[in-house]
């Protein structure tokens, strides 16, 4: 179950949002009374309430907005209990002074907005002595391992425990706490009004991640990166799971640049079956796997990790094949890469995979990168040419491929290759997919060039990952439409 938090300054808006949420299928709503601009009229808020409610009133010391004295706040909480609201949220330092009464269930809560401390278990044990129906512990995650420790606490607790972490690192625990026994999790009414760091909108929790369908048997997959919030992979894979009626969920997990192995070792407790891997972890992913494809060994990077039935981690690179197929599609029927003169902008993991694929297909490749030494190093490793960044427009090329982030949302007014340098017969492929029509792609079309957007590569590499994860082949056109709907001109957010 998802509890949706409402915090508004006016009673009228709080009531209207309760009704709107009930119409959207919400089963539980949290009323944040501390957000109201005047003393709450509790009876007005809970009379004829369309859903069960949790009544919460946070002090400023708990990052709340209560502007009156503590006696008035505790009097309001006692009034809510006498009025038999469904749940009352009591901080652990006052829960002992407010006794149980009537049918109202007691949530005894503790928040730490700075860290996930080492004493979770002892804190939980103290809270268990305060007559709770539910224990709620919410902390700030500063690493993926903090999420795992919190979920372990939830799984091992005999008293129903709402345990999850805040912040970007904490997102997996918000989505998986129900799998380990939490009675519900929290979401916000919409993405514009977040009650706590890392809180997701109700619509995303319900429709994208399908929280209410996650159970103990649900398999877990994820995309790893830093940063990771922009990724559209959760949208793509979760929609595909839903289409194929697979009991699985796909999460974004932020992994710090310098702690890949340590983080994945901690995440092993969650039993995750497969990972998509993005910047900056593709080289580390290769080294983490027990087995790796020949392409991974030669490219030196992996974008996919998946676990076989015997528990062995395998690494593969679906970027390479996806990119080459995308270029061939752009060349048209009968098009061949053999003998084509190509320039690749960038020297990261995607560039490495694409250069490898182009060379295998018989193309002549030149690499240019804003850091010239990286282009020179990659060219030396893969056996091709490099050119200094400032000279990248010097010669005619049959194919131009951008593997840099220049032009990616939100900096969409930039291009890595000025329009006047483009040859009219050059095929231009931009690996950026958000937006689909980058400035480079737009200017190339104006010039009369053939173009391929990064959407095609993104779809194809994700489809190959999905096959590794599930053994099923997704519908490419359905995946294209899923992404296009999300990155339309009116919505660039993932």
Protein backbone atom coordinates (compact mmCIF):
# COMPACT_ATOMS: atom_id res chain seq x y z
CA UNK A 1 0.00 0.00 0.00
CA UNK A 2 1.13 3.57 -0.75
CA UNK A 3 0.50 6.39 1.71
CA UNK A 4 0.35 9.72 -0.12
CA UNK A 5 1.50 12.77 1.82
CA UNK A 6 -0.44 16.03 1.47
CA UNK A 7 0.99 19.30 2.74
CA UNK A 8 -0.97 22.43 1.87
CA UNK A 9 -1.39 25.78 3.58
CA UNK A 10 -5.17 25.85 3.11
CA UNK A 11 -7.76 23.40 4.46
CA UNK A 12 -9.73 23.60 1.23
CA UNK A 13 -6.81 22.44 -0.92
CA UNK A 14 -5.97 19.62 1.47
CA UNK A 15 -9.57 18.34 1.24
CA UNK A 16 -9.62 18.63 -2.56
CA UNK A 17 -6.36 16.70 -2.88
CA UNK A 18 -7.71 13.92 -0.63
CA UNK A 19 -10.67 13.54 -2.98
CA UNK A 20 -8.47 13.64 -6.08
CA UNK A 21 -6.21 10.95 -4.67
CA UNK A 22 -9.17 8.73 -3.82
CA UNK A 23 -10.29 9.00 -7.44
CA UNK A 24 -6.78 8.01 -8.55
CA UNK A 25 -6.87 4.87 -6.42
CA UNK A 26 -5.01 5.99 -3.29
CA UNK A 27 -5.78 3.79 -0.28
CA UNK A 28 -4.13 5.86 2.46
CA UNK A 29 -3.38 9.59 2.80
CA UNK A 30 -1.09 11.39 5.24
CA UNK A 31 -2.37 14.79 6.38
CA UNK A 32 0.61 17.00 7.24
CA UNK A 33 -1.15 19.38 9.61
CA UNK A 34 2.03 21.38 10.20
CA UNK A 35 1.82 22.76 6.65
CA UNK A 36 -1.43 24.61 7.32
CA UNK A 37 -1.11 28.38 7.69
CA UNK A 38 -3.54 28.55 10.61
CA UNK A 39 -4.46 26.30 13.53
CA UNK A 40 -5.85 23.11 11.95
CA UNK A 41 -9.59 22.49 11.97
CA UNK A 42 -9.25 18.74 12.37
CA UNK A 43 -12.94 17.93 12.18
CA UNK A 44 -13.20 19.70 8.82
CA UNK A 45 -10.28 17.68 7.43
CA UNK A 46 -11.37 14.23 8.57
CA UNK A 47 -15.17 14.53 8.30
CA UNK A 48 -16.37 12.37 5.40
CA UNK A 49 -12.77 11.58 4.50
CA UNK A 50 -12.65 9.55 1.26
CA UNK A 51 -9.73 7.36 2.41
CA UNK A 52 -8.17 6.30 5.72
CA UNK A 53 -5.69 8.90 6.96
CA UNK A 54 -2.45 9.21 8.89
CA UNK A 55 -2.42 12.41 10.93
CA UNK A 56 1.06 13.90 11.23
CA UNK A 57 2.22 17.21 12.70
CA UNK A 58 5.97 17.78 12.58
CA UNK A 59 7.99 20.24 14.67
CA UNK A 60 10.64 22.43 13.07
CA UNK A 61 13.33 20.36 14.78
CA UNK A 62 12.00 17.40 12.76
CA UNK A 63 12.09 19.44 9.51
CA UNK A 64 8.38 20.21 9.86
CA UNK A 65 6.55 23.56 9.72
CA UNK A 66 4.58 23.71 12.98
CA UNK A 67 4.61 27.37 14.01
CA UNK A 68 2.84 27.24 17.36
CA UNK A 69 3.95 25.86 20.74
CA UNK A 70 4.48 22.24 21.66
CA UNK A 71 1.53 22.06 24.06
CA UNK A 72 -0.82 23.06 21.23
CA UNK A 73 0.73 20.43 18.95
CA UNK A 74 0.36 17.59 21.43
CA UNK A 75 -3.19 18.69 22.23
CA UNK A 76 -3.96 18.45 18.50
CA UNK A 77 -2.47 14.94 18.34
CA UNK A 78 -4.57 13.83 21.34
CA UNK A 79 -7.67 15.32 19.70
CA UNK A 80 -6.94 13.31 16.56
CA UNK A 81 -6.76 10.13 18.63
CA UNK A 82 -10.05 10.88 20.43
CA UNK A 83 -11.58 11.59 17.01
CA UNK A 84 -10.52 8.07 16.00
CA UNK A 85 -8.41 8.92 13.00
CA UNK A 86 -7.05 5.78 11.37
CA UNK A 87 -3.37 6.36 12.24
CA UNK A 88 -1.52 8.89 14.38
CA UNK A 89 2.21 9.56 13.86
CA UNK A 90 4.04 10.17 17.15
CA UNK A 91 7.76 10.96 17.37
CA UNK A 92 9.59 8.52 19.63
CA UNK A 93 10.49 11.21 22.17
CA UNK A 94 6.81 12.04 22.88
CA UNK A 95 5.09 8.71 22.21
CA UNK A 96 5.40 7.64 25.84
CA UNK A 97 3.47 10.71 27.01
CA UNK A 98 0.52 10.17 24.66
CA UNK A 99 -1.40 6.99 25.57
CA UNK A 100 -3.37 4.70 23.30
CA UNK A 101 -7.09 5.36 23.01
CA UNK A 102 -9.88 3.93 20.90
CA UNK A 103 -9.31 2.48 17.45
CA UNK A 104 -6.52 4.77 16.32
CA UNK A 105 -3.33 2.88 15.40
CA UNK A 106 -0.05 4.26 16.69
CA UNK A 107 2.91 4.91 14.37
CA UNK A 108 5.94 5.60 16.54
CA UNK A 109 8.46 7.38 14.33
CA UNK A 110 12.08 8.49 14.26
CA UNK A 111 13.80 10.53 11.54
CA UNK A 112 17.48 11.22 10.95
CA UNK A 113 18.05 13.68 8.10
CA UNK A 114 21.83 13.40 8.17
CA UNK A 115 22.78 9.73 8.13
CA UNK A 116 21.80 6.12 8.66
CA UNK A 117 23.45 5.50 12.03
CA UNK A 118 25.06 2.30 13.24
CA UNK A 119 22.55 1.87 16.07
CA UNK A 120 19.44 1.11 14.00
CA UNK A 121 18.70 -2.09 15.89
CA UNK A 122 18.99 -0.54 19.35
CA UNK A 123 16.87 2.44 18.29
CA UNK A 124 14.25 0.03 16.97
CA UNK A 125 14.30 -1.94 20.24
CA UNK A 126 13.66 1.23 22.28
CA UNK A 127 10.78 2.22 20.01
CA UNK A 128 9.25 -1.23 20.40
CA UNK A 129 8.67 -0.41 24.10
CA UNK A 130 6.48 2.62 23.26
CA UNK A 131 3.31 0.65 22.46
CA UNK A 132 3.51 0.97 18.66
CA UNK A 133 1.28 -0.70 16.12
CA UNK A 134 3.86 0.32 13.54
CA UNK A 135 7.47 1.44 13.99
CA UNK A 136 8.65 4.02 11.47
CA UNK A 137 12.38 4.67 11.04
CA UNK A 138 13.46 6.98 8.22
CA UNK A 139 17.09 7.99 7.75
CA UNK A 140 19.29 9.68 5.17
CA UNK A 141 21.18 7.25 2.95
CA UNK A 142 24.73 8.24 2.10
CA UNK A 143 25.54 5.01 0.26
CA UNK A 144 23.70 2.03 -1.27
CA UNK A 145 24.67 -0.10 1.74
CA UNK A 146 22.55 2.15 3.99
CA UNK A 147 19.47 0.99 2.06
CA UNK A 148 20.40 -2.62 2.55
CA UNK A 149 20.88 -2.23 6.31
CA UNK A 150 17.48 -0.55 6.57
CA UNK A 151 15.72 -3.26 4.58
CA UNK A 152 17.38 -5.94 6.68
CA UNK A 153 15.94 -4.25 9.76
CA UNK A 154 12.46 -4.28 8.20
CA UNK A 155 12.76 -7.94 7.24
CA UNK A 156 13.91 -9.04 10.70
CA UNK A 157 11.41 -7.04 12.76
CA UNK A 158 8.54 -8.82 14.56
CA UNK A 159 6.62 -5.53 14.85
CA UNK A 160 5.46 -4.14 11.47
CA UNK A 161 8.15 -1.64 10.53
CA UNK A 162 8.13 1.21 8.05
CA UNK A 163 11.82 1.48 7.31
CA UNK A 164 13.34 3.28 4.35
CA UNK A 165 15.96 5.87 3.50
CA UNK A 166 15.76 9.39 2.14
CA UNK A 167 17.81 11.01 -0.61
CA UNK A 168 18.84 9.72 -4.03
CA UNK A 169 20.77 6.82 -2.51
CA UNK A 170 17.64 5.88 -0.56
CA UNK A 171 15.27 5.38 -3.47
CA UNK A 172 15.63 1.56 -3.67
CA UNK A 173 14.49 1.21 -0.06
CA UNK A 174 11.35 3.28 -0.71
CA UNK A 175 10.43 0.94 -3.54
CA UNK A 176 11.44 -2.37 -1.95
CA UNK A 177 10.41 -1.97 1.70
CA UNK A 178 7.06 -3.69 1.02
CA UNK A 179 8.90 -6.70 -0.38
CA UNK A 180 10.45 -7.17 3.07
CA UNK A 181 7.32 -6.63 5.15
CA UNK A 182 6.72 -2.87 5.52
CA UNK A 183 2.94 -2.26 5.80
CA UNK A 184 3.17 0.65 3.37
CA UNK A 185 5.53 3.26 1.90
CA UNK A 186 5.18 6.99 1.28
CA UNK A 187 4.75 9.06 -1.87
CA UNK A 188 3.98 12.68 -2.59
CA UNK A 189 0.92 14.07 -4.36
CA UNK A 190 3.07 15.27 -7.27
CA UNK A 191 6.70 15.94 -8.09
CA UNK A 192 6.40 19.67 -7.40
CA UNK A 193 5.73 19.28 -3.66
CA UNK A 194 8.06 16.80 -2.00
CA UNK A 195 7.65 16.25 1.74
CA UNK A 196 11.03 14.56 2.21
CA UNK A 197 14.23 14.15 0.15
CA UNK A 198 13.90 11.47 -2.52
CA UNK A 199 10.12 11.10 -2.29
CA UNK A 200 8.49 9.97 -5.54
CA UNK A 201 5.12 11.10 -6.92
CA UNK A 202 2.18 8.78 -6.31
CA UNK A 203 1.67 8.27 -10.05
CA UNK A 204 5.24 6.97 -10.50
CA UNK A 205 5.03 4.66 -7.47
CA UNK A 206 1.69 3.28 -8.61
CA UNK A 207 1.98 3.14 -12.39
CA UNK A 208 5.69 3.00 -13.25
CA UNK A 209 7.11 0.93 -10.41
CA UNK A 210 3.79 -0.82 -9.60
CA UNK A 211 4.60 -0.78 -5.91
CA UNK A 212 1.39 -2.54 -4.92
CA UNK A 213 2.38 -5.53 -7.07
CA UNK A 214 5.82 -5.95 -5.46
CA UNK A 215 5.93 -8.97 -3.18
CA UNK A 216 8.44 -11.31 -1.64
CA UNK A 217 8.63 -13.23 -4.94
CA UNK A 218 9.20 -10.18 -7.16
CA UNK A 219 12.52 -10.27 -9.01
CA UNK A 220 14.62 -7.09 -8.95
CA UNK A 221 16.69 -5.49 -11.72
CA UNK A 222 18.37 -2.08 -11.79
CA UNK A 223 20.34 0.51 -13.69
CA UNK A 224 23.59 1.68 -12.08
CA UNK A 225 25.20 5.06 -12.62
CA UNK A 226 26.28 8.36 -11.11
CA UNK A 227 24.27 10.45 -11.74
CA UNK A 228 21.25 8.25 -12.41
CA UNK A 229 18.12 10.36 -11.92
CA UNK A 230 17.87 11.24 -15.63
CA UNK A 231 17.78 7.62 -16.84
CA UNK A 232 14.79 6.43 -18.86
CA UNK A 233 15.77 2.78 -18.42
CA UNK A 234 13.31 2.24 -15.51
CA UNK A 235 10.49 3.45 -17.74
CA UNK A 236 11.48 1.15 -20.58
CA UNK A 237 12.07 -2.04 -18.58
CA UNK A 238 9.15 -1.66 -16.18
CA UNK A 239 6.76 -1.12 -19.10
CA UNK A 240 8.19 -4.22 -20.78
CA UNK A 241 7.79 -6.28 -17.59
CA UNK A 242 4.19 -5.14 -17.38
CA UNK A 243 3.52 -5.92 -21.04
CA UNK A 244 4.89 -9.45 -20.67
CA UNK A 245 3.19 -9.95 -17.27
CA UNK A 246 6.51 -10.58 -15.51
CA UNK A 247 6.68 -10.31 -11.72
CA UNK A 248 9.69 -7.99 -11.65
CA UNK A 249 10.66 -4.40 -10.91
CA UNK A 250 13.51 -2.31 -12.32
CA UNK A 251 15.07 0.43 -10.16
CA UNK A 252 17.55 3.28 -10.58
CA UNK A 253 20.46 2.90 -8.14
CA UNK A 254 23.11 5.55 -7.71
CA UNK A 255 26.57 4.04 -7.24
CA UNK A 256 29.44 6.40 -6.33
CA UNK A 257 32.28 6.44 -8.80
CA UNK A 258 34.84 5.00 -6.39
CA UNK A 259 32.78 2.23 -4.75
CA UNK A 260 31.41 -0.03 -7.47
CA UNK A 261 32.52 -3.40 -6.09
CA UNK A 262 31.79 -2.44 -2.49
CA UNK A 263 28.29 -1.26 -3.38
CA UNK A 264 27.40 -4.30 -5.47
CA UNK A 265 28.67 -6.62 -2.75
CA UNK A 266 26.29 -4.90 -0.32
CA UNK A 267 23.42 -5.07 -2.81
CA UNK A 268 23.87 -8.84 -3.14
CA UNK A 269 21.58 -9.23 -0.12
CA UNK A 270 18.72 -7.92 -2.25
CA UNK A 271 19.10 -10.79 -4.72
CA UNK A 272 19.17 -8.51 -7.77
CA UNK A 273 19.15 -10.57 -10.99
CA UNK A 274 20.56 -8.08 -13.49
CA UNK A 275 21.98 -4.62 -13.97
CA UNK A 276 22.14 -2.11 -16.78
CA UNK A 277 25.34 -0.12 -16.34
CA UNK A 278 25.93 3.46 -17.41
CA UNK A 279 28.44 6.26 -16.83
CA UNK A 280 30.93 5.99 -15.12
CA UNK A 281 30.89 2.29 -14.28
CA UNK A 282 31.21 0.35 -17.55
CA UNK A 283 34.87 -0.55 -17.04
CA UNK A 284 34.28 -1.55 -13.41
CA UNK A 285 31.32 -3.73 -14.45
CA UNK A 286 33.56 -5.70 -16.76
CA UNK A 287 35.92 -6.51 -13.89
CA UNK A 288 33.10 -7.39 -11.48
CA UNK A 289 31.73 -10.25 -13.58
CA UNK A 290 32.88 -13.86 -13.30
CA UNK A 291 32.35 -14.43 -17.04
CA UNK A 292 32.47 -11.93 -19.89
CA UNK A 293 31.71 -12.00 -23.60
CA UNK A 294 34.55 -11.68 -26.11
CA UNK A 295 33.24 -8.24 -27.05
CA UNK A 296 33.61 -7.07 -23.45
CA UNK A 297 37.19 -8.29 -23.29
CA UNK A 298 38.08 -6.46 -26.49
CA UNK A 299 36.09 -3.29 -25.84
CA UNK A 300 37.18 -3.12 -22.21
CA UNK A 301 33.72 -2.11 -21.00
CA UNK A 302 30.36 -3.71 -20.19
CA UNK A 303 26.92 -2.14 -20.03
CA UNK A 304 25.08 -5.24 -18.81
CA UNK A 305 25.51 -7.62 -15.88
CA UNK A 306 23.16 -10.56 -15.47
CA UNK A 307 23.16 -13.52 -13.14
CA UNK A 308 22.68 -17.05 -14.47
CA UNK A 309 20.72 -19.74 -12.63
CA UNK A 310 23.93 -21.00 -11.00
CA UNK A 311 24.60 -17.57 -9.46
CA UNK A 312 27.42 -16.60 -11.82
CA UNK A 313 27.61 -12.97 -12.94
CA UNK A 314 28.01 -12.49 -16.70
CA UNK A 315 29.07 -9.28 -18.45
CA UNK A 316 28.14 -8.26 -21.98
CA UNK A 317 28.05 -5.08 -24.05
CA UNK A 318 24.82 -4.43 -25.92
CA UNK A 319 25.90 -0.90 -26.93
CA UNK A 320 28.12 -2.14 -29.72
CA UNK A 321 25.58 -4.21 -31.65
CA UNK A 322 22.81 -1.66 -31.02
CA UNK A 323 24.90 1.21 -32.38
CA UNK A 324 26.05 -0.64 -35.50
CA UNK A 325 22.51 -1.77 -36.30
CA UNK A 326 21.32 1.82 -35.85
CA UNK A 327 23.96 3.13 -38.27
CA UNK A 328 23.12 0.45 -40.83
CA UNK A 329 19.45 1.41 -40.56
CA UNK A 330 20.44 5.02 -41.24
CA UNK A 331 22.45 4.06 -44.31
CA UNK A 332 19.38 2.43 -45.83
CA UNK A 333 18.81 -0.85 -47.60
CA UNK A 334 22.02 -2.36 -48.87
CA UNK A 335 24.13 0.13 -46.93
CA UNK A 336 27.48 -1.14 -45.75
CA UNK A 337 30.03 0.20 -43.30
CA UNK A 338 32.95 -1.38 -45.13
CA UNK A 339 35.31 1.31 -46.34
CA UNK A 340 33.28 4.16 -44.82
CA UNK A 341 35.24 7.06 -43.35
CA UNK A 342 33.91 7.70 -39.82
CA UNK A 343 34.63 10.20 -37.07
CA UNK A 344 33.60 9.43 -33.49
CA UNK A 345 33.32 12.28 -30.99
CA UNK A 346 34.10 11.18 -27.44
CA UNK A 347 36.32 8.61 -25.76
CA UNK A 348 34.11 7.12 -23.04
CA UNK A 349 32.47 3.72 -22.72
CA UNK A 350 29.92 4.25 -25.49
CA UNK A 351 32.58 5.56 -27.88
CA UNK A 352 34.80 2.59 -27.10
CA UNK A 353 32.02 0.13 -27.95
CA UNK A 354 31.03 1.95 -31.15
CA UNK A 355 34.59 2.30 -32.43
CA UNK A 356 35.12 -1.41 -31.85
CA UNK A 357 31.97 -2.23 -33.83
CA UNK A 358 32.86 0.12 -36.70
CA UNK A 359 36.34 -1.35 -37.05
CA UNK A 360 34.95 -4.89 -37.04
CA UNK A 361 32.56 -3.86 -39.82
CA UNK A 362 35.47 -2.67 -41.96
CA UNK A 363 35.12 1.10 -41.47
CA UNK A 364 37.97 3.59 -41.18
CA UNK A 365 37.66 5.39 -37.85
CA UNK A 366 39.06 8.61 -36.43
CA UNK A 367 38.45 9.62 -32.79
CA UNK A 368 38.20 13.19 -31.47
CA UNK A 369 37.68 14.09 -27.83
CA UNK A 370 37.68 17.33 -25.85
CA UNK A 371 40.55 15.85 -23.83
CA UNK A 372 42.93 15.04 -26.67
CA UNK A 373 45.03 12.62 -24.66
CA UNK A 374 42.01 10.35 -24.07
CA UNK A 375 41.28 10.23 -27.80
CA UNK A 376 44.89 9.37 -28.52
CA UNK A 377 44.89 6.62 -25.88
CA UNK A 378 41.66 5.03 -27.13
CA UNK A 379 42.83 5.17 -30.74
CA UNK A 380 46.07 3.46 -29.74
CA UNK A 381 44.23 0.72 -27.82
CA UNK A 382 41.75 -0.07 -30.59
CA UNK A 383 44.04 0.49 -33.58
CA UNK A 384 42.59 3.52 -35.36
CA UNK A 385 43.33 7.21 -35.91
CA UNK A 386 42.77 10.21 -33.68
CA UNK A 387 42.53 13.93 -34.41
CA UNK A 388 42.75 16.90 -32.10
CA UNK A 389 39.36 18.25 -31.00
CA UNK A 390 39.89 21.63 -32.64
CA UNK A 391 40.59 19.91 -35.98
CA UNK A 392 37.58 17.57 -35.95
CA UNK A 393 35.87 19.36 -38.88
CA UNK A 394 38.96 19.44 -41.08
CA UNK A 395 38.23 16.54 -43.45
CA UNK A 396 35.09 15.08 -45.06
CA UNK A 397 33.58 12.07 -43.30
CA UNK A 398 30.92 9.63 -44.50
CA UNK A 399 29.64 9.13 -40.96
CA UNK A 400 29.73 11.38 -37.89
CA UNK A 401 28.88 9.83 -34.50
CA UNK A 402 28.52 11.90 -31.35
CA UNK A 403 29.24 10.00 -28.12
CA UNK A 404 29.68 13.09 -25.95
CA UNK A 405 26.94 14.51 -23.68
CA UNK A 406 26.99 17.85 -25.55
CA UNK A 407 23.38 18.69 -26.43
CA UNK A 408 21.79 16.50 -23.76
CA UNK A 409 18.87 17.75 -21.67
CA UNK A 410 18.84 20.30 -20.11
CA UNK A 411 21.63 21.98 -22.16
CA UNK A 412 19.86 21.44 -25.48
CA UNK A 413 21.18 24.58 -27.20
CA UNK A 414 24.67 23.12 -27.58
CA UNK A 415 26.18 21.04 -30.37
CA UNK A 416 29.55 19.23 -30.55
CA UNK A 417 29.89 19.86 -34.30
CA UNK A 418 29.09 23.21 -35.98
CA UNK A 419 26.60 23.02 -38.84
CA UNK A 420 28.96 24.57 -41.40
CA UNK A 421 31.36 21.66 -40.92
CA UNK A 422 28.75 19.09 -41.93
CA UNK A 423 28.95 17.57 -45.40
CA UNK A 424 25.62 17.27 -47.21
CA UNK A 425 26.10 13.54 -47.74
CA UNK A 426 27.29 12.75 -44.22
CA UNK A 427 25.23 10.38 -42.07
CA UNK A 428 24.94 11.97 -38.60
CA UNK A 429 24.30 9.72 -35.61
CA UNK A 430 23.85 11.30 -32.16
CA UNK A 431 23.84 8.76 -29.31
CA UNK A 432 21.93 11.20 -27.06
CA UNK A 433 18.28 10.17 -26.74
CA UNK A 434 16.94 12.88 -24.42
CA UNK A 435 15.97 14.92 -26.37
CA UNK A 436 15.56 12.72 -29.40
CA UNK A 437 16.04 15.66 -31.76
CA UNK A 438 19.22 17.30 -30.51
CA UNK A 439 20.57 20.50 -32.02
CA UNK A 440 23.13 18.40 -33.90
CA UNK A 441 20.36 16.28 -35.43
CA UNK A 442 18.23 19.35 -36.31
CA UNK A 443 21.09 21.16 -37.99
CA UNK A 444 22.15 18.02 -39.85
CA UNK A 445 18.64 17.66 -41.29
CA UNK A 446 18.65 21.33 -42.32
CA UNK A 447 21.92 20.59 -44.11
CA UNK A 448 20.32 17.69 -45.98
CA UNK A 449 22.15 14.94 -44.09
CA UNK A 450 20.70 11.57 -43.22
CA UNK A 451 20.31 11.25 -39.46
CA UNK A 452 19.95 8.63 -36.74
CA UNK A 453 18.88 9.66 -33.24
CA UNK A 454 20.16 8.11 -30.04
CA UNK A 455 16.69 6.76 -29.40
CA UNK A 456 17.31 3.92 -31.82
CA UNK A 457 20.51 2.80 -30.11
CA UNK A 458 18.96 3.20 -26.67
CA UNK A 459 15.96 1.07 -27.63
CA UNK A 460 18.05 -1.65 -29.24
CA UNK A 461 20.58 -1.94 -26.41
CA UNK A 462 17.78 -2.05 -23.83
CA UNK A 463 15.93 -4.72 -25.83
CA UNK A 464 19.08 -6.86 -25.84
CA UNK A 465 19.44 -6.38 -22.09
CA UNK A 466 15.81 -7.38 -21.57
CA UNK A 467 16.47 -10.60 -23.50
CA UNK A 468 19.44 -11.39 -21.23
CA UNK A 469 17.34 -10.65 -18.15
CA UNK A 470 14.20 -12.60 -19.13
CA UNK A 471 14.80 -14.74 -22.19
CA UNK A 472 12.02 -12.84 -23.98
CA UNK A 473 12.20 -10.57 -27.04
CA UNK A 474 10.43 -7.23 -26.56
CA UNK A 475 8.59 -5.34 -29.30
CA UNK A 476 10.96 -2.61 -30.55
CA UNK A 477 8.15 -0.38 -31.81
CA UNK A 478 6.38 -0.54 -28.47
CA UNK A 479 9.62 0.48 -26.73
CA UNK A 480 10.07 3.39 -29.16
CA UNK A 481 6.58 4.69 -28.47
CA UNK A 482 7.09 4.36 -24.70
CA UNK A 483 10.19 6.56 -24.78
CA UNK A 484 8.86 9.06 -27.32
CA UNK A 485 5.78 9.66 -25.21
CA UNK A 486 7.99 10.50 -22.23
CA UNK A 487 10.51 12.77 -23.98
CA UNK A 488 7.92 14.74 -25.96
CA UNK A 489 8.49 18.52 -26.18
CA UNK A 490 6.20 19.12 -23.19
CA UNK A 491 8.02 16.67 -20.90
CA UNK A 492 11.76 16.10 -20.87
CA UNK A 493 11.83 14.62 -17.36
CA UNK A 494 12.56 10.91 -16.88
